[in-house]
C-alpha atoms as a PDB file:
ATOM      1  CA  MET A   1     -12.443   5.860 -47.842  1.00  0.00           C
ATOM      2  CA  PHE A   2     -13.555   6.428 -44.278  1.00  0.00           C
ATOM      3  CA  GLY A   3     -11.231   7.909 -41.635  1.00  0.00           C
ATOM      4  CA  SER A   4      -9.234   5.869 -39.152  1.00  0.00           C
ATOM      5  CA  ILE A   5      -7.133   6.579 -36.116  1.00  0.00           C
ATOM      6  CA  ARG A   6      -4.393   4.667 -34.302  1.00  0.00           C
ATOM      7  CA  LEU A   7      -3.979   4.928 -30.566  1.00  0.00           C
ATOM      8  CA  LYS A   8      -1.805   3.740 -27.732  1.00  0.00           C
ATOM      9  CA  ALA A   9      -3.967   2.132 -25.011  1.00  0.00           C
ATOM     10  CA  CYS A  10      -1.881   2.326 -21.818  1.00  0.00           C
ATOM     11  CA  ALA A  11      -1.902  -0.276 -19.141  1.00  0.00           C
ATOM     12  CA  LYS A  12      -2.372   0.674 -15.493  1.00  0.00           C
ATOM     13  CA  ILE A  13      -1.132  -0.313 -12.027  1.00  0.00           C
ATOM     14  CA  ASN A  14      -2.777   0.045  -8.680  1.00  0.00           C
ATOM     15  CA  LEU A  15      -0.275   1.709  -6.339  1.00  0.00           C
ATOM     16  CA  CYS A  16      -2.638   0.799  -3.574  1.00  0.00           C
ATOM     17  CA  LEU A  17      -6.116  -0.790  -3.448  1.00  0.00           C
ATOM     18  CA  ASP A  18      -8.634  -1.202  -0.640  1.00  0.00           C
ATOM     19  CA  ILE A  19     -12.244  -2.446  -0.693  1.00  0.00           C
ATOM     20  CA  ILE A  20     -14.524  -0.469   1.644  1.00  0.00           C
ATOM     21  CA  GLY A  21     -17.918  -1.809   1.069  1.00  0.00           C
ATOM     22  CA  ILE A  22     -20.385  -3.651  -1.317  1.00  0.00           C
ATOM     23  CA  ARG A  23     -23.302  -2.138  -3.171  1.00  0.00           C
ATOM     24  CA  LYS A  24     -26.716  -3.705  -3.089  1.00  0.00           C
ATOM     25  CA  ASP A  25     -26.260  -4.946  -6.630  1.00  0.00           C
ATOM     26  CA  GLY A  26     -23.155  -6.895  -5.558  1.00  0.00           C
ATOM     27  CA  TYR A  27     -20.377  -4.557  -6.970  1.00  0.00           C
ATOM     28  CA  HIS A  28     -17.529  -3.894  -4.509  1.00  0.00           C
ATOM     29  CA  LEU A  29     -16.653  -0.267  -3.561  1.00  0.00           C
ATOM     30  CA  ILE A  30     -13.019   0.499  -3.864  1.00  0.00           C
ATOM     31  CA  GLU A  31     -10.415   3.183  -2.935  1.00  0.00           C
ATOM     32  CA  SER A  32      -7.380   2.928  -5.157  1.00  0.00           C
ATOM     33  CA  ILE A  33      -4.586   5.140  -6.530  1.00  0.00           C
ATOM     34  CA  MET A  34      -4.162   4.179 -10.140  1.00  0.00           C
ATOM     35  CA  GLN A  35      -1.296   5.095 -12.331  1.00  0.00           C
ATOM     36  CA  SER A  36      -0.991   4.851 -16.145  1.00  0.00           C
ATOM     37  CA  ILE A  37       2.143   3.271 -17.473  1.00  0.00           C
ATOM     38  CA  GLU A  38       3.805   3.402 -21.002  1.00  0.00           C
ATOM     39  CA  LEU A  39       3.208  -0.331 -21.613  1.00  0.00           C
ATOM     40  CA  HIS A  40       0.465  -0.282 -24.157  1.00  0.00           C
ATOM     41  CA  ASP A  41      -1.674  -2.092 -26.773  1.00  0.00           C
ATOM     42  CA  THR A  42      -2.152  -0.593 -30.131  1.00  0.00           C
ATOM     43  CA  VAL A  43      -5.749   0.056 -31.103  1.00  0.00           C
ATOM     44  CA  THR A  44      -6.746   1.116 -34.622  1.00  0.00           C
ATOM     45  CA  VAL A  45     -10.352   2.165 -35.225  1.00  0.00           C
ATOM     46  CA  ARG A  46     -11.908   2.762 -38.680  1.00  0.00           C
ATOM     47  CA  ARG A  47     -15.282   4.116 -39.513  1.00  0.00           C
ATOM     48  CA  ARG A  48     -17.864   1.982 -41.240  1.00  0.00           C
ATOM     49  CA  SER A  49     -21.009   3.033 -43.097  1.00  0.00           C
ATOM     50  CA  ASP A  50     -22.963  -0.256 -42.597  1.00  0.00           C
ATOM     51  CA  GLY A  51     -23.854   0.019 -38.876  1.00  0.00           C
ATOM     52  CA  LYS A  52     -21.700  -3.001 -37.982  1.00  0.00           C
ATOM     53  CA  ILE A  53     -19.029  -3.360 -35.338  1.00  0.00           C
ATOM     54  CA  ARG A  54     -16.075  -5.702 -36.038  1.00  0.00           C
ATOM     55  CA  VAL A  55     -13.197  -6.481 -33.783  1.00  0.00           C
ATOM     56  CA  PHE A  56      -9.916  -8.150 -34.974  1.00  0.00           C
ATOM     57  CA  CYS A  57      -7.478  -9.183 -32.180  1.00  0.00           C
ATOM     58  CA  PRO A  58      -5.070 -11.919 -33.297  1.00  0.00           C
ATOM     59  CA  LYS A  59      -3.890 -12.831 -29.801  1.00  0.00           C
ATOM     60  CA  CYS A  60      -7.444 -12.931 -28.213  1.00  0.00           C
ATOM     61  CA  ASP A  61      -9.466 -16.048 -27.803  1.00  0.00           C
ATOM     62  CA  ILE A  62     -12.432 -14.050 -26.634  1.00  0.00           C
ATOM     63  CA  PRO A  63     -15.593 -14.105 -28.889  1.00  0.00           C
ATOM     64  CA  GLU A  64     -15.996 -10.876 -30.790  1.00  0.00           C
ATOM     65  CA  LYS A  65     -19.258  -9.754 -29.156  1.00  0.00           C
ATOM     66  CA  SER A  66     -17.748 -10.502 -25.644  1.00  0.00           C
ATOM     67  CA  ASN A  67     -14.736  -8.356 -26.247  1.00  0.00           C
ATOM     68  CA  VAL A  68     -14.886  -5.159 -24.142  1.00  0.00           C
ATOM     69  CA  ALA A  69     -13.745  -3.317 -27.265  1.00  0.00           C
ATOM     70  CA  TYR A  70     -16.890  -4.329 -28.975  1.00  0.00           C
ATOM     71  CA  LYS A  71     -18.997  -3.376 -25.947  1.00  0.00           C
ATOM     72  CA  ALA A  72     -17.372  -0.077 -25.832  1.00  0.00           C
ATOM     73  CA  ALA A  73     -18.209   0.703 -29.390  1.00  0.00           C
ATOM     74  CA  LYS A  74     -21.810  -0.414 -28.834  1.00  0.00           C
ATOM     75  CA  VAL A  75     -22.350   1.740 -25.809  1.00  0.00           C
ATOM     76  CA  PHE A  76     -20.735   4.654 -27.546  1.00  0.00           C
ATOM     77  CA  PHE A  77     -23.087   4.586 -30.496  1.00  0.00           C
ATOM     78  CA  GLU A  78     -25.958   4.295 -28.184  1.00  0.00           C
ATOM     79  CA  ALA A  79     -24.858   7.307 -26.101  1.00  0.00           C
ATOM     80  CA  ALA A  80     -23.856   9.345 -29.049  1.00  0.00           C
ATOM     81  CA  ASP A  81     -27.254   8.824 -30.781  1.00  0.00           C
ATOM     82  CA  LEU A  82     -25.752   8.481 -34.217  1.00  0.00           C
ATOM     83  CA  ASN A  83     -27.690   7.091 -37.154  1.00  0.00           C
ATOM     84  CA  GLU A  84     -27.994   3.437 -37.732  1.00  0.00           C
ATOM     85  CA  SER A  85     -25.345   3.439 -40.418  1.00  0.00           C
ATOM     86  CA  ALA A  86     -22.587   4.397 -37.956  1.00  0.00           C
ATOM     87  CA  GLY A  87     -20.164   1.528 -37.399  1.00  0.00           C
ATOM     88  CA  ALA A  88     -16.537   0.614 -36.610  1.00  0.00           C
ATOM     89  CA  THR A  89     -13.726  -1.763 -37.451  1.00  0.00           C
ATOM     90  CA  ILE A  90     -11.373  -2.245 -34.567  1.00  0.00           C
ATOM     91  CA  TYR A  91      -7.845  -3.772 -34.804  1.00  0.00           C
ATOM     92  CA  ILE A  92      -6.045  -4.526 -31.541  1.00  0.00           C
ATOM     93  CA  LYS A  93      -2.401  -5.455 -31.255  1.00  0.00           C
ATOM     94  CA  LYS A  94      -1.925  -6.899 -27.732  1.00  0.00           C
ATOM     95  CA  ARG A  95       1.187  -6.221 -25.552  1.00  0.00           C
ATOM     96  CA  ILE A  96      -0.505  -6.038 -22.146  1.00  0.00           C
ATOM     97  CA  PRO A  97      -0.832  -9.479 -20.632  1.00  0.00           C
ATOM     98  CA  SER A  98      -4.305 -10.720 -19.621  1.00  0.00           C
ATOM     99  CA  GLN A  99      -5.399 -11.846 -16.158  1.00  0.00           C
ATOM    100  CA  ALA A 100      -2.659  -9.615 -14.796  1.00  0.00           C
ATOM    101  CA  GLY A 101      -4.483  -6.731 -13.087  1.00  0.00           C
ATOM    102  CA  LEU A 102      -2.904  -4.346 -15.654  1.00  0.00           C
ATOM    103  CA  GLY A 103      -6.219  -3.331 -17.261  1.00  0.00           C
ATOM    104  CA  GLY A 104      -5.544  -4.428 -20.807  1.00  0.00           C
ATOM    105  CA  GLY A 105      -9.142  -4.987 -21.860  1.00  0.00           C
ATOM    106  CA  SER A 106     -10.231  -1.722 -20.133  1.00  0.00           C
ATOM    107  CA  ALA A 107      -7.401   0.234 -21.894  1.00  0.00           C
ATOM    108  CA  ASP A 108      -8.569  -1.036 -25.315  1.00  0.00           C
ATOM    109  CA  ALA A 109     -12.124  -0.191 -24.457  1.00  0.00           C
ATOM    110  CA  ALA A 110     -11.011   3.366 -23.433  1.00  0.00           C
ATOM    111  CA  ALA A 111      -9.130   3.766 -26.680  1.00  0.00           C
ATOM    112  CA  VAL A 112     -12.142   2.750 -28.714  1.00  0.00           C
ATOM    113  CA  LEU A 113     -14.270   5.461 -27.004  1.00  0.00           C
ATOM    114  CA  VAL A 114     -11.655   8.154 -27.603  1.00  0.00           C
ATOM    115  CA  ALA A 115     -11.175   7.101 -31.165  1.00  0.00           C
ATOM    116  CA  LEU A 116     -14.886   7.091 -31.922  1.00  0.00           C
ATOM    117  CA  ASN A 117     -15.384  10.408 -30.319  1.00  0.00           C
ATOM    118  CA  LYS A 118     -12.753  11.800 -32.645  1.00  0.00           C
ATOM    119  CA  LEU A 119     -13.675   9.936 -35.796  1.00  0.00           C
ATOM    120  CA  TYR A 120     -17.345  10.913 -35.515  1.00  0.00           C
ATOM    121  CA  LYS A 121     -16.647  14.431 -34.167  1.00  0.00           C
ATOM    122  CA  THR A 122     -19.179  13.981 -31.409  1.00  0.00           C
ATOM    123  CA  GLY A 123     -17.427  16.411 -29.058  1.00  0.00           C
ATOM    124  CA  ILE A 124     -18.251  14.362 -25.944  1.00  0.00           C
ATOM    125  CA  SER A 125     -16.267  15.680 -22.886  1.00  0.00           C
ATOM    126  CA  GLU A 126     -13.692  13.519 -21.238  1.00  0.00           C
ATOM    127  CA  ASP A 127     -15.854  13.374 -18.087  1.00  0.00           C
ATOM    128  CA  LYS A 128     -18.841  12.158 -20.015  1.00  0.00           C
ATOM    129  CA  LEU A 129     -16.730   9.628 -22.003  1.00  0.00           C
ATOM    130  CA  SER A 130     -15.575   8.294 -18.678  1.00  0.00           C
ATOM    131  CA  LEU A 131     -19.133   7.784 -17.502  1.00  0.00           C
ATOM    132  CA  ILE A 132     -19.992   5.940 -20.788  1.00  0.00           C
ATOM    133  CA  GLY A 133     -16.955   3.747 -20.075  1.00  0.00           C
ATOM    134  CA  ALA A 134     -18.315   2.869 -16.671  1.00  0.00           C
ATOM    135  CA  LYS A 135     -21.091   0.917 -18.522  1.00  0.00           C
ATOM    136  CA  VAL A 136     -18.333  -1.299 -20.046  1.00  0.00           C
ATOM    137  CA  GLY A 137     -16.092  -1.923 -16.978  1.00  0.00           C
ATOM    138  CA  ALA A 138     -14.994  -0.567 -13.718  1.00  0.00           C
ATOM    139  CA  ASP A 139     -11.373   0.426 -14.845  1.00  0.00           C
ATOM    140  CA  VAL A 140     -12.506   2.032 -18.137  1.00  0.00           C
ATOM    141  CA  PRO A 141     -13.177   5.527 -16.763  1.00  0.00           C
ATOM    142  CA  PHE A 142      -9.683   5.742 -15.325  1.00  0.00           C
ATOM    143  CA  CYS A 143      -8.204   4.418 -18.584  1.00  0.00           C
ATOM    144  CA  VAL A 144      -9.947   7.078 -20.594  1.00  0.00           C
ATOM    145  CA  CYS A 145      -8.432   9.825 -18.352  1.00  0.00           C
ATOM    146  CA  GLY A 146      -5.214   8.199 -17.149  1.00  0.00           C
ATOM    147  CA  GLY A 147      -2.244   9.715 -15.267  1.00  0.00           C
ATOM    148  CA  THR A 148      -2.396   9.471 -11.489  1.00  0.00           C
ATOM    149  CA  ARG A 149      -5.755   9.445  -9.990  1.00  0.00           C
ATOM    150  CA  LEU A 150      -7.621   8.476  -6.818  1.00  0.00           C
ATOM    151  CA  CYS A 151     -10.478   6.234  -7.825  1.00  0.00           C
ATOM    152  CA  ARG A 152     -13.492   5.520  -5.687  1.00  0.00           C
ATOM    153  CA  GLY A 153     -17.013   3.938  -6.120  1.00  0.00           C
ATOM    154  CA  ILE A 154     -16.624   0.998  -8.370  1.00  0.00           C
ATOM    155  CA  GLY A 155     -13.738   2.992 -10.069  1.00  0.00           C
ATOM    156  CA  GLU A 156     -15.873   5.676 -11.752  1.00  0.00           C
ATOM    157  CA  ILE A 157     -15.330   8.427  -9.254  1.00  0.00           C
ATOM    158  CA  LEU A 158     -11.924  10.060 -10.236  1.00  0.00           C
ATOM    159  CA  THR A 159      -9.903  12.626  -8.537  1.00  0.00           C
ATOM    160  CA  LYS A 160      -6.749  13.977 -10.201  1.00  0.00           C
ATOM    161  CA  LEU A 161      -3.536  13.723  -8.108  1.00  0.00           C
ATOM    162  CA  ASP A 162      -0.127  15.111  -8.593  1.00  0.00           C
ATOM    163  CA  ASP A 163       1.801  13.244 -11.319  1.00  0.00           C
ATOM    164  CA  LEU A 164       4.037  10.388 -10.016  1.00  0.00           C
ATOM    165  CA  ASN A 165       7.687  11.534 -10.477  1.00  0.00           C
ATOM    166  CA  ASP A 166       9.581   9.763 -13.252  1.00  0.00           C
ATOM    167  CA  CYS A 167      10.776   6.432 -12.218  1.00  0.00           C
ATOM    168  CA  TYR A 168      11.348   2.960 -13.716  1.00  0.00           C
ATOM    169  CA  ILE A 169       8.571   0.272 -13.208  1.00  0.00           C
ATOM    170  CA  VAL A 170       9.477  -3.436 -13.470  1.00  0.00           C
ATOM    171  CA  LEU A 171       6.498  -5.596 -14.218  1.00  0.00           C
ATOM    172  CA  VAL A 172       6.487  -9.365 -13.790  1.00  0.00           C
ATOM    173  CA  LYS A 173       3.796 -11.845 -14.409  1.00  0.00           C
ATOM    174  CA  GLY A 174       4.289 -15.420 -13.347  1.00  0.00           C
ATOM    175  CA  TYR A 175       2.661 -18.596 -14.927  1.00  0.00           C
ATOM    176  CA  ASP A 176      -0.584 -18.343 -13.054  1.00  0.00           C
ATOM    177  CA  GLY A 177      -3.417 -15.907 -13.756  1.00  0.00           C
ATOM    178  CA  VAL A 178      -6.483 -15.002 -11.801  1.00  0.00           C
ATOM    179  CA  SER A 179      -9.964 -13.949 -13.044  1.00  0.00           C
ATOM    180  CA  THR A 180     -11.483 -10.887 -11.374  1.00  0.00           C
ATOM    181  CA  LYS A 181     -14.376 -12.987 -10.305  1.00  0.00           C
ATOM    182  CA  GLN A 182     -12.070 -15.473  -8.549  1.00  0.00           C
ATOM    183  CA  ALA A 183     -10.085 -12.621  -6.975  1.00  0.00           C
ATOM    184  CA  TYR A 184     -13.213 -11.072  -5.344  1.00  0.00           C
ATOM    185  CA  GLN A 185     -14.322 -14.559  -4.084  1.00  0.00           C
ATOM    186  CA  ASP A 186     -10.872 -15.034  -2.522  1.00  0.00           C
ATOM    187  CA  TYR A 187     -11.209 -11.645  -0.865  1.00  0.00           C
ATOM    188  CA  ASP A 188     -14.710 -12.310   0.415  1.00  0.00           C
ATOM    189  CA  ASN A 189     -13.519 -15.526   2.012  1.00  0.00           C
ATOM    190  CA  ALA A 190     -10.414 -13.768   3.716  1.00  0.00           C
ATOM    191  CA  SER A 191     -10.291 -12.074   7.081  1.00  0.00           C
ATOM    192  CA  ASP A 192      -8.028  -9.737   9.088  1.00  0.00           C
ATOM    193  CA  LEU A 193      -6.797  -7.903   6.059  1.00  0.00           C
ATOM    194  CA  VAL A 194      -4.545  -4.818   6.531  1.00  0.00           C
ATOM    195  CA  CYS A 195      -6.183  -1.514   5.613  1.00  0.00           C
ATOM    196  CA  LEU A 196      -4.128   0.868   3.519  1.00  0.00           C
ATOM    197  CA  ARG A 197      -3.049   4.322   4.594  1.00  0.00           C
ATOM    198  CA  LEU A 198      -4.089   6.039   1.430  1.00  0.00           C
ATOM    199  CA  GLU A 199      -3.250   9.551   2.576  1.00  0.00           C
ATOM    200  CA  LYS A 200       0.340   8.656   3.197  1.00  0.00           C
ATOM    201  CA  VAL A 201       0.668   7.449  -0.460  1.00  0.00           C
ATOM    202  CA  VAL A 202      -0.943  10.671  -1.742  1.00  0.00           C
ATOM    203  CA  GLU A 203       1.573  12.621   0.380  1.00  0.00           C
ATOM    204  CA  ALA A 204       4.507  10.625  -0.918  1.00  0.00           C
ATOM    205  CA  ILE A 205       3.430  11.162  -4.477  1.00  0.00           C
ATOM    206  CA  SER A 206       2.904  14.935  -3.948  1.00  0.00           C
ATOM    207  CA  THR A 207       6.416  15.308  -2.394  1.00  0.00           C
ATOM    208  CA  GLY A 208       8.088  13.086  -4.904  1.00  0.00           C
ATOM    209  CA  ASN A 209       9.473  11.009  -2.054  1.00  0.00           C
ATOM    210  CA  PHE A 210       9.751   7.494  -3.192  1.00  0.00           C
ATOM    211  CA  GLU A 211      11.348   6.284  -0.028  1.00  0.00           C
ATOM    212  CA  ALA A 212       8.033   7.248   1.867  1.00  0.00           C
ATOM    213  CA  LEU A 213       6.244   4.544  -0.220  1.00  0.00           C
ATOM    214  CA  ARG A 214       7.929   1.724   1.661  1.00  0.00           C
ATOM    215  CA  GLY A 215       5.364  -0.365   3.447  1.00  0.00           C
ATOM    216  CA  LYS A 216       2.441   1.611   2.097  1.00  0.00           C
ATOM    217  CA  LEU A 217       1.749   0.199  -1.319  1.00  0.00           C
ATOM    218  CA  ILE A 218      -0.880  -2.241   0.124  1.00  0.00           C
ATOM    219  CA  ASN A 219      -3.266  -4.163  -2.087  1.00  0.00           C
ATOM    220  CA  VAL A 220      -5.976  -6.210  -0.286  1.00  0.00           C
ATOM    221  CA  PHE A 221      -6.124  -8.639  -3.108  1.00  0.00           C
ATOM    222  CA  GLU A 222      -2.395  -9.424  -2.633  1.00  0.00           C
ATOM    223  CA  GLU A 223      -3.164 -10.495   0.929  1.00  0.00           C
ATOM    224  CA  SER A 224      -6.131 -12.667  -0.095  1.00  0.00           C
ATOM    225  CA  THR A 225      -4.878 -14.089  -3.451  1.00  0.00           C
ATOM    226  CA  SER A 226      -4.550 -17.827  -3.943  1.00  0.00           C
ATOM    227  CA  ILE A 227      -1.590 -17.367  -6.121  1.00  0.00           C
ATOM    228  CA  ASN A 228       1.418 -18.434  -4.092  1.00  0.00           C
ATOM    229  CA  GLU A 229       4.098 -16.968  -6.472  1.00  0.00           C
ATOM    230  CA  VAL A 230       2.915 -13.455  -5.964  1.00  0.00           C
ATOM    231  CA  SER A 231       4.557 -12.934  -2.531  1.00  0.00           C
ATOM    232  CA  LYS A 232       7.718 -14.589  -3.873  1.00  0.00           C
ATOM    233  CA  LEU A 233       7.819 -12.126  -6.823  1.00  0.00           C
ATOM    234  CA  VAL A 234       7.265  -9.136  -4.576  1.00  0.00           C
ATOM    235  CA  ASN A 235      10.061 -10.128  -2.270  1.00  0.00           C
ATOM    236  CA  GLU A 236      12.348 -10.718  -5.159  1.00  0.00           C
ATOM    237  CA  LEU A 237      11.674  -7.299  -6.660  1.00  0.00           C
ATOM    238  CA  ARG A 238      12.498  -5.742  -3.279  1.00  0.00           C
ATOM    239  CA  ALA A 239      15.672  -7.723  -2.979  1.00  0.00           C
ATOM    240  CA  ALA A 240      16.723  -6.578  -6.540  1.00  0.00           C
ATOM    241  CA  GLY A 241      16.570  -2.990  -5.422  1.00  0.00           C
ATOM    242  CA  ALA A 242      12.939  -1.805  -5.790  1.00  0.00           C
ATOM    243  CA  VAL A 243      11.942   0.989  -3.447  1.00  0.00           C
ATOM    244  CA  GLU A 244       8.769  -0.895  -2.954  1.00  0.00           C
ATOM    245  CA  ALA A 245       6.803  -3.568  -4.855  1.00  0.00           C
ATOM    246  CA  ALA A 246       3.203  -4.837  -4.768  1.00  0.00           C
ATOM    247  CA  MET A 247       0.644  -6.759  -6.825  1.00  0.00           C
ATOM    248  CA  THR A 248      -1.561  -4.722  -9.116  1.00  0.00           C
ATOM    249  CA  GLY A 249      -5.370  -4.897  -9.265  1.00  0.00           C
ATOM    250  CA  SER A 250      -6.746  -8.355  -8.749  1.00  0.00           C
ATOM    251  CA  GLY A 251      -3.462  -9.854  -9.931  1.00  0.00           C
ATOM    252  CA  SER A 252      -1.493 -11.724 -10.891  1.00  0.00           C
ATOM    253  CA  ALA A 253       1.142  -9.270 -12.203  1.00  0.00           C
ATOM    254  CA  VAL A 254       3.471  -7.523  -9.601  1.00  0.00           C
ATOM    255  CA  PHE A 255       5.365  -4.279 -10.012  1.00  0.00           C
ATOM    256  CA  GLY A 256       8.456  -2.780  -8.530  1.00  0.00           C
ATOM    257  CA  ILE A 257       9.310   0.972  -8.464  1.00  0.00           C
ATOM    258  CA  PHE A 258      13.034   1.759  -9.119  1.00  0.00           C
ATOM    259  CA  THR A 259      14.839   4.960  -9.163  1.00  0.00           C
ATOM    260  CA  ASP A 260      17.925   3.417 -10.790  1.00  0.00           C
ATOM    261  CA  ARG A 261      17.600   2.645 -14.577  1.00  0.00           C
ATOM    262  CA  LYS A 262      20.348   0.006 -14.585  1.00  0.00           C
ATOM    263  CA  LYS A 263      19.047  -1.884 -11.641  1.00  0.00           C
ATOM    264  CA  ALA A 264      15.496  -1.837 -13.175  1.00  0.00           C
ATOM    265  CA  LYS A 265      16.880  -3.172 -16.543  1.00  0.00           C
ATOM    266  CA  LYS A 266      19.008  -5.876 -14.838  1.00  0.00           C
ATOM    267  CA  CYS A 267      16.088  -6.967 -12.609  1.00  0.00           C
ATOM    268  CA  ALA A 268      13.618  -7.276 -15.638  1.00  0.00           C
ATOM    269  CA  ALA A 269      16.311  -9.264 -17.610  1.00  0.00           C
ATOM    270  CA  GLU A 270      16.716 -11.637 -14.793  1.00  0.00           C
ATOM    271  CA  PHE A 271      12.993 -12.231 -14.303  1.00  0.00           C
ATOM    272  CA  ARG A 272      12.660 -12.943 -18.171  1.00  0.00           C
ATOM    273  CA  LYS A 273      14.870 -15.991 -17.658  1.00  0.00           C
ATOM    274  CA  SER A 274      12.366 -17.637 -15.342  1.00  0.00           C
ATOM    275  CA  TYR A 275       8.860 -16.051 -15.954  1.00  0.00           C
ATOM    276  CA  PRO A 276       6.750 -15.609 -19.120  1.00  0.00           C
ATOM    277  CA  PHE A 277       6.473 -11.841 -18.903  1.00  0.00           C
ATOM    278  CA  SER A 278       8.796  -9.148 -17.634  1.00  0.00           C
ATOM    279  CA  CYS A 279       9.441  -5.603 -18.797  1.00  0.00           C
ATOM    280  CA  VAL A 280      10.643  -2.123 -17.749  1.00  0.00           C
ATOM    281  CA  THR A 281       8.124   0.649 -18.236  1.00  0.00           C
ATOM    282  CA  ARG A 282       7.585   4.222 -16.936  1.00  0.00           C
ATOM    283  CA  PRO A 283       4.705   6.293 -15.744  1.00  0.00           C
ATOM    284  CA  SER A 284       2.457   7.942 -18.243  1.00  0.00           C
ATOM    285  CA  VAL A 285       0.410  11.084 -17.740  1.00  0.00           C
ATOM    286  CA  ARG A 286      -2.298   9.981 -20.172  1.00  0.00           C
ATOM    287  CA  GLY A 287      -4.323   6.718 -20.564  1.00  0.00           C
ATOM    288  CA  VAL A 288      -4.732   7.020 -24.227  1.00  0.00           C
ATOM    289  CA  TYR A 289      -2.277   8.584 -26.790  1.00  0.00           C
ATOM    290  CA  ARG A 290      -2.391   9.180 -30.422  1.00  0.00           C
ATOM    291  CA  PHE A 291       0.601   7.969 -32.338  1.00  0.00           C
END
């Protein structure tokens, strides 16, 4: 019987996000402060001795070999230079909604990398594991490390920041989703977008001053998105008592930061009456946890 490991693959939110350029290969260069949250998928990985990679995800309609978890296992085995018999069976229990900007697929991929590194005792450092993850997707390096980090480049250049003070984060996703490709197309067609003041967000986090976040959680995708309900949800979160609210990633989920637990729970409960997904979660200091 080969070993197995079960991990929590934590979602992420972008406290702020700006696009500062485009590489020659077409990838957009970003500046973003990302934050891991306790909302998670469960990823179980088991060793195989037949060299095959299998992915089972009941709630996924993605072909097995197109799943980022499959791609993560493939690039791991290539980077680790293991023998041809090394393989993996991956089971994913989804909780993180898709097309939400919460990094659900990236979180699963990160968990696969961490799991295989432990199962095969390859001893790859977290930094190198993050670089391997960059071959799978732009958010995977952050999801491997997690916590509170400044992310640059296409997302692979990470700088550790002070941990975000404990708070309550209400997440809401409406009925519309948006693909990352579409989000970037909307951005490329937009103009006169507000630039974020990233240093002010870093300062507010380091001092634990949530009030200083007001008006500074800017996401350029929120301004360019074609999803009309995003601005409505953001305004409703603020009206319900959120210190500040914004869209995460390329959308379409939005988040509100609360310092009052009762207000957060009441807000999430109200949103659940009208929208397909809403929950209360909290910041996490890691991207991947072992049960």
